[in-house]
Amino acid sequence: MNSSDIPEGFAPDLPKSPITDPWEPLYSKRTEKAVVLGLRVAKPHTNAQGQVHGGLIATLVDNAMAYSCRQVMGGWASSWMATISLTVDFIGPAQIGQWLTVESDVIKTGKTICFAQSLIKADDSVIARANATFRVVPKHQGDNDPR
């Protein structure tokens, strides 16, 4: 895979995490209202049938919606998001070689809670949708930044 395989505006600037390390490279595109995640589907992302694994989708939407809440709330330095609830509806498959994106919308923010939703697309076709509720957790000195 080379940089020409990645849509314009996406960069490999996501925080690293042990759960997502095997799926690298992951990409993001930041706007004022969201952090869009993307990846080129490869074998490590698939199940035994050669389709994107639901666990990968669930993890990516959880991250994308939490990042988007932090982006909208301006809390990258002062807080992180703890998932209260996450629901994912799987609508269709994604296969090796497709460009997968997770596009999130922050629905409502408050001092301690954030609500978001996402559409997961493979080459612009919706393959899943998700909703989540997050608890806004203030960071304390010495906390690792899990973004």
C-alpha atoms as a PDB file:
ATOM      1  CA  MET A   1       0.000   0.000   0.000  1.00  0.00           C
ATOM      2  CA  ASN A   2       1.308   3.452  -0.835  1.00  0.00           C
ATOM      3  CA  SER A   3       0.152   6.998  -0.148  1.00  0.00           C
ATOM      4  CA  SER A   4      -1.742   7.164  -3.449  1.00  0.00           C
ATOM      5  CA  ASP A   5      -4.099   4.481  -2.057  1.00  0.00           C
ATOM      6  CA  ILE A   6      -5.233   6.860   0.696  1.00  0.00           C
ATOM      7  CA  PRO A   7      -7.913   9.491  -0.011  1.00  0.00           C
ATOM      8  CA  GLU A   8      -6.887  13.129   0.216  1.00  0.00           C
ATOM      9  CA  GLY A   9      -7.048  14.677   3.667  1.00  0.00           C
ATOM     10  CA  PHE A  10      -6.331  11.483   5.602  1.00  0.00           C
ATOM     11  CA  ALA A  11      -3.106  11.149   7.598  1.00  0.00           C
ATOM     12  CA  PRO A  12      -1.659   8.507   9.965  1.00  0.00           C
ATOM     13  CA  ASP A  13      -1.848  10.807  12.991  1.00  0.00           C
ATOM     14  CA  LEU A  14      -3.928   8.752  15.405  1.00  0.00           C
ATOM     15  CA  PRO A  15      -2.754   7.979  18.921  1.00  0.00           C
ATOM     16  CA  LYS A  16      -1.336   4.474  19.233  1.00  0.00           C
ATOM     17  CA  SER A  17      -3.159   1.812  21.232  1.00  0.00           C
ATOM     18  CA  PRO A  18      -2.394  -1.859  21.886  1.00  0.00           C
ATOM     19  CA  ILE A  19      -5.846  -2.873  20.579  1.00  0.00           C
ATOM     20  CA  THR A  20      -5.369  -1.097  17.246  1.00  0.00           C
ATOM     21  CA  ASP A  21      -1.633  -1.740  16.708  1.00  0.00           C
ATOM     22  CA  PRO A  22      -2.240  -4.939  14.673  1.00  0.00           C
ATOM     23  CA  TRP A  23      -4.553  -3.018  12.333  1.00  0.00           C
ATOM     24  CA  GLU A  24      -2.094  -0.268  11.386  1.00  0.00           C
ATOM     25  CA  PRO A  25      -1.902   1.818   9.384  1.00  0.00           C
ATOM     26  CA  LEU A  26      -5.018   3.675  10.508  1.00  0.00           C
ATOM     27  CA  TYR A  27      -5.773   7.158   9.210  1.00  0.00           C
ATOM     28  CA  SER A  28      -7.813  10.142  10.325  1.00  0.00           C
ATOM     29  CA  LYS A  29      -9.159  13.361   8.920  1.00  0.00           C
ATOM     30  CA  ARG A  30     -10.083  16.071  11.408  1.00  0.00           C
ATOM     31  CA  THR A  31     -12.774  18.702  11.026  1.00  0.00           C
ATOM     32  CA  GLU A  32     -14.231  21.135  13.565  1.00  0.00           C
ATOM     33  CA  LYS A  33     -17.099  18.739  14.208  1.00  0.00           C
ATOM     34  CA  ALA A  34     -15.568  15.269  13.905  1.00  0.00           C
ATOM     35  CA  VAL A  35     -12.618  12.956  13.548  1.00  0.00           C
ATOM     36  CA  VAL A  36     -13.188  10.662  10.556  1.00  0.00           C
ATOM     37  CA  LEU A  37     -11.263   7.381  10.726  1.00  0.00           C
ATOM     38  CA  GLY A  38     -10.171   5.402   7.682  1.00  0.00           C
ATOM     39  CA  LEU A  39      -8.250   2.321   6.654  1.00  0.00           C
ATOM     40  CA  ARG A  40      -7.602   0.243   3.565  1.00  0.00           C
ATOM     41  CA  VAL A  41      -9.078  -3.182   4.376  1.00  0.00           C
ATOM     42  CA  ALA A  42      -6.401  -5.891   4.546  1.00  0.00           C
ATOM     43  CA  LYS A  43      -6.293  -9.513   5.720  1.00  0.00           C
ATOM     44  CA  PRO A  44      -5.632  -8.661   9.421  1.00  0.00           C
ATOM     45  CA  HIS A  45      -8.981  -6.804   9.448  1.00  0.00           C
ATOM     46  CA  THR A  46     -11.052  -9.808   8.331  1.00  0.00           C
ATOM     47  CA  ASN A  47     -12.841 -12.824   9.749  1.00  0.00           C
ATOM     48  CA  ALA A  48     -12.687 -16.419   8.441  1.00  0.00           C
ATOM     49  CA  GLN A  49     -15.050 -15.493   5.585  1.00  0.00           C
ATOM     50  CA  GLY A  50     -12.737 -12.719   4.340  1.00  0.00           C
ATOM     51  CA  GLN A  51     -15.089  -9.919   5.428  1.00  0.00           C
ATOM     52  CA  VAL A  52     -14.242  -7.082   7.819  1.00  0.00           C
ATOM     53  CA  HIS A  53     -14.608  -8.413  11.365  1.00  0.00           C
ATOM     54  CA  GLY A  54     -17.391  -6.903  13.477  1.00  0.00           C
ATOM     55  CA  GLY A  55     -14.969  -6.450  16.373  1.00  0.00           C
ATOM     56  CA  LEU A  56     -12.820  -4.172  14.232  1.00  0.00           C
ATOM     57  CA  ILE A  57     -15.864  -2.109  13.288  1.00  0.00           C
ATOM     58  CA  ALA A  58     -17.008  -1.855  16.921  1.00  0.00           C
ATOM     59  CA  THR A  59     -13.556  -0.744  18.068  1.00  0.00           C
ATOM     60  CA  LEU A  60     -13.172   1.825  15.297  1.00  0.00           C
ATOM     61  CA  VAL A  61     -16.614   3.380  15.841  1.00  0.00           C
ATOM     62  CA  ASP A  62     -15.991   3.549  19.587  1.00  0.00           C
ATOM     63  CA  ASN A  63     -12.728   5.406  18.948  1.00  0.00           C
ATOM     64  CA  ALA A  64     -14.136   7.660  16.193  1.00  0.00           C
ATOM     65  CA  MET A  65     -17.110   8.790  18.251  1.00  0.00           C
ATOM     66  CA  ALA A  66     -15.004   9.387  21.378  1.00  0.00           C
ATOM     67  CA  TYR A  67     -12.423  11.350  19.365  1.00  0.00           C
ATOM     68  CA  SER A  68     -15.238  13.348  17.754  1.00  0.00           C
ATOM     69  CA  CYS A  69     -16.762  14.183  21.155  1.00  0.00           C
ATOM     70  CA  ARG A  70     -13.363  15.381  22.348  1.00  0.00           C
ATOM     71  CA  GLN A  71     -12.892  17.398  19.157  1.00  0.00           C
ATOM     72  CA  VAL A  72     -16.264  19.158  19.518  1.00  0.00           C
ATOM     73  CA  MET A  73     -15.822  19.722  23.256  1.00  0.00           C
ATOM     74  CA  GLY A  74     -12.252  21.008  22.876  1.00  0.00           C
ATOM     75  CA  GLY A  75     -11.122  18.582  25.558  1.00  0.00           C
ATOM     76  CA  TRP A  76      -8.093  16.859  24.031  1.00  0.00           C
ATOM     77  CA  ALA A  77      -5.841  18.196  26.769  1.00  0.00           C
ATOM     78  CA  SER A  78      -8.239  18.193  29.705  1.00  0.00           C
ATOM     79  CA  SER A  79     -10.449  15.107  29.401  1.00  0.00           C
ATOM     80  CA  TRP A  80     -10.992  11.716  27.805  1.00  0.00           C
ATOM     81  CA  MET A  81     -14.143   9.721  27.065  1.00  0.00           C
ATOM     82  CA  ALA A  82     -15.264   6.536  28.820  1.00  0.00           C
ATOM     83  CA  THR A  83     -17.826   4.515  26.874  1.00  0.00           C
ATOM     84  CA  ILE A  84     -21.122   4.111  28.735  1.00  0.00           C
ATOM     85  CA  SER A  85     -22.998   2.386  25.925  1.00  0.00           C
ATOM     86  CA  LEU A  86     -22.277   1.393  22.339  1.00  0.00           C
ATOM     87  CA  THR A  87     -24.638  -0.172  19.813  1.00  0.00           C
ATOM     88  CA  VAL A  88     -23.687  -1.261  16.319  1.00  0.00           C
ATOM     89  CA  ASP A  89     -26.022  -2.384  13.558  1.00  0.00           C
ATOM     90  CA  PHE A  90     -24.241  -4.393  10.865  1.00  0.00           C
ATOM     91  CA  ILE A  91     -25.832  -3.769   7.477  1.00  0.00           C
ATOM     92  CA  GLY A  92     -23.442  -5.186   4.882  1.00  0.00           C
ATOM     93  CA  PRO A  93     -19.955  -6.595   4.259  1.00  0.00           C
ATOM     94  CA  ALA A  94     -16.621  -4.967   3.470  1.00  0.00           C
ATOM     95  CA  GLN A  95     -13.848  -6.825   1.695  1.00  0.00           C
ATOM     96  CA  ILE A  96     -10.085  -6.680   1.312  1.00  0.00           C
ATOM     97  CA  GLY A  97      -8.998  -3.690  -0.754  1.00  0.00           C
ATOM     98  CA  GLN A  98     -11.948  -1.448   0.052  1.00  0.00           C
ATOM     99  CA  TRP A  99     -11.495   1.936   1.747  1.00  0.00           C
ATOM    100  CA  LEU A 100     -13.328   1.862   5.089  1.00  0.00           C
ATOM    101  CA  THR A 101     -14.385   5.114   6.772  1.00  0.00           C
ATOM    102  CA  VAL A 102     -16.069   5.859  10.067  1.00  0.00           C
ATOM    103  CA  GLU A 103     -17.939   9.166   9.877  1.00  0.00           C
ATOM    104  CA  SER A 104     -19.290  10.447  13.184  1.00  0.00           C
ATOM    105  CA  ASP A 105     -21.721  13.145  14.269  1.00  0.00           C
ATOM    106  CA  VAL A 106     -21.792  14.481  17.801  1.00  0.00           C
ATOM    107  CA  ILE A 107     -25.461  14.734  18.712  1.00  0.00           C
ATOM    108  CA  LYS A 108     -25.298  16.452  22.102  1.00  0.00           C
ATOM    109  CA  THR A 109     -22.652  17.386  24.598  1.00  0.00           C
ATOM    110  CA  GLY A 110     -22.876  18.260  28.251  1.00  0.00           C
ATOM    111  CA  LYS A 111     -20.491  18.777  31.107  1.00  0.00           C
ATOM    112  CA  THR A 112     -20.327  15.049  31.899  1.00  0.00           C
ATOM    113  CA  ILE A 113     -21.997  13.228  28.963  1.00  0.00           C
ATOM    114  CA  CYS A 114     -21.623  13.174  25.177  1.00  0.00           C
ATOM    115  CA  PHE A 115     -23.892  11.440  22.623  1.00  0.00           C
ATOM    116  CA  ALA A 116     -22.696  10.517  19.117  1.00  0.00           C
ATOM    117  CA  GLN A 117     -23.604   8.432  16.088  1.00  0.00           C
ATOM    118  CA  SER A 118     -21.611   7.039  13.160  1.00  0.00           C
ATOM    119  CA  LEU A 119     -21.968   5.621   9.698  1.00  0.00           C
ATOM    120  CA  ILE A 120     -19.371   3.073   8.620  1.00  0.00           C
ATOM    121  CA  LYS A 121     -18.783   2.956   4.880  1.00  0.00           C
ATOM    122  CA  ALA A 122     -16.845   0.711   2.511  1.00  0.00           C
ATOM    123  CA  ASP A 123     -16.090   2.590  -0.713  1.00  0.00           C
ATOM    124  CA  ASP A 124     -18.956   4.986   0.120  1.00  0.00           C
ATOM    125  CA  SER A 125     -21.553   2.213   0.731  1.00  0.00           C
ATOM    126  CA  VAL A 126     -22.944   2.099   4.271  1.00  0.00           C
ATOM    127  CA  ILE A 127     -22.079  -1.222   5.925  1.00  0.00           C
ATOM    128  CA  ALA A 128     -22.905  -0.375   9.561  1.00  0.00           C
ATOM    129  CA  ARG A 129     -24.247   2.322  11.836  1.00  0.00           C
ATOM    130  CA  ALA A 130     -23.552   2.963  15.490  1.00  0.00           C
ATOM    131  CA  ASN A 131     -24.635   5.041  18.474  1.00  0.00           C
ATOM    132  CA  ALA A 132     -22.777   5.695  21.694  1.00  0.00           C
ATOM    133  CA  THR A 133     -22.951   7.541  24.974  1.00  0.00           C
ATOM    134  CA  PHE A 134     -19.724   8.641  26.667  1.00  0.00           C
ATOM    135  CA  ARG A 135     -18.846   9.890  30.121  1.00  0.00           C
ATOM    136  CA  VAL A 136     -16.538  12.916  30.050  1.00  0.00           C
ATOM    137  CA  VAL A 137     -13.683  12.062  32.422  1.00  0.00           C
ATOM    138  CA  PRO A 138     -11.382  14.884  33.533  1.00  0.00           C
ATOM    139  CA  LYS A 139      -7.715  14.020  33.168  1.00  0.00           C
ATOM    140  CA  HIS A 140      -5.472  14.328  36.187  1.00  0.00           C
ATOM    141  CA  GLN A 141      -1.796  15.191  36.178  1.00  0.00           C
ATOM    142  CA  GLY A 142       0.168  12.092  35.165  1.00  0.00           C
ATOM    143  CA  ASP A 143      -2.674  10.432  33.245  1.00  0.00           C
ATOM    144  CA  ASN A 144      -1.743   8.920  29.913  1.00  0.00           C
ATOM    145  CA  ASP A 145      -3.504  10.567  26.993  1.00  0.00           C
ATOM    146  CA  PRO A 146      -5.609   7.733  25.494  1.00  0.00           C
ATOM    147  CA  ARG A 147      -6.679   9.764  22.478  1.00  0.00           C
END
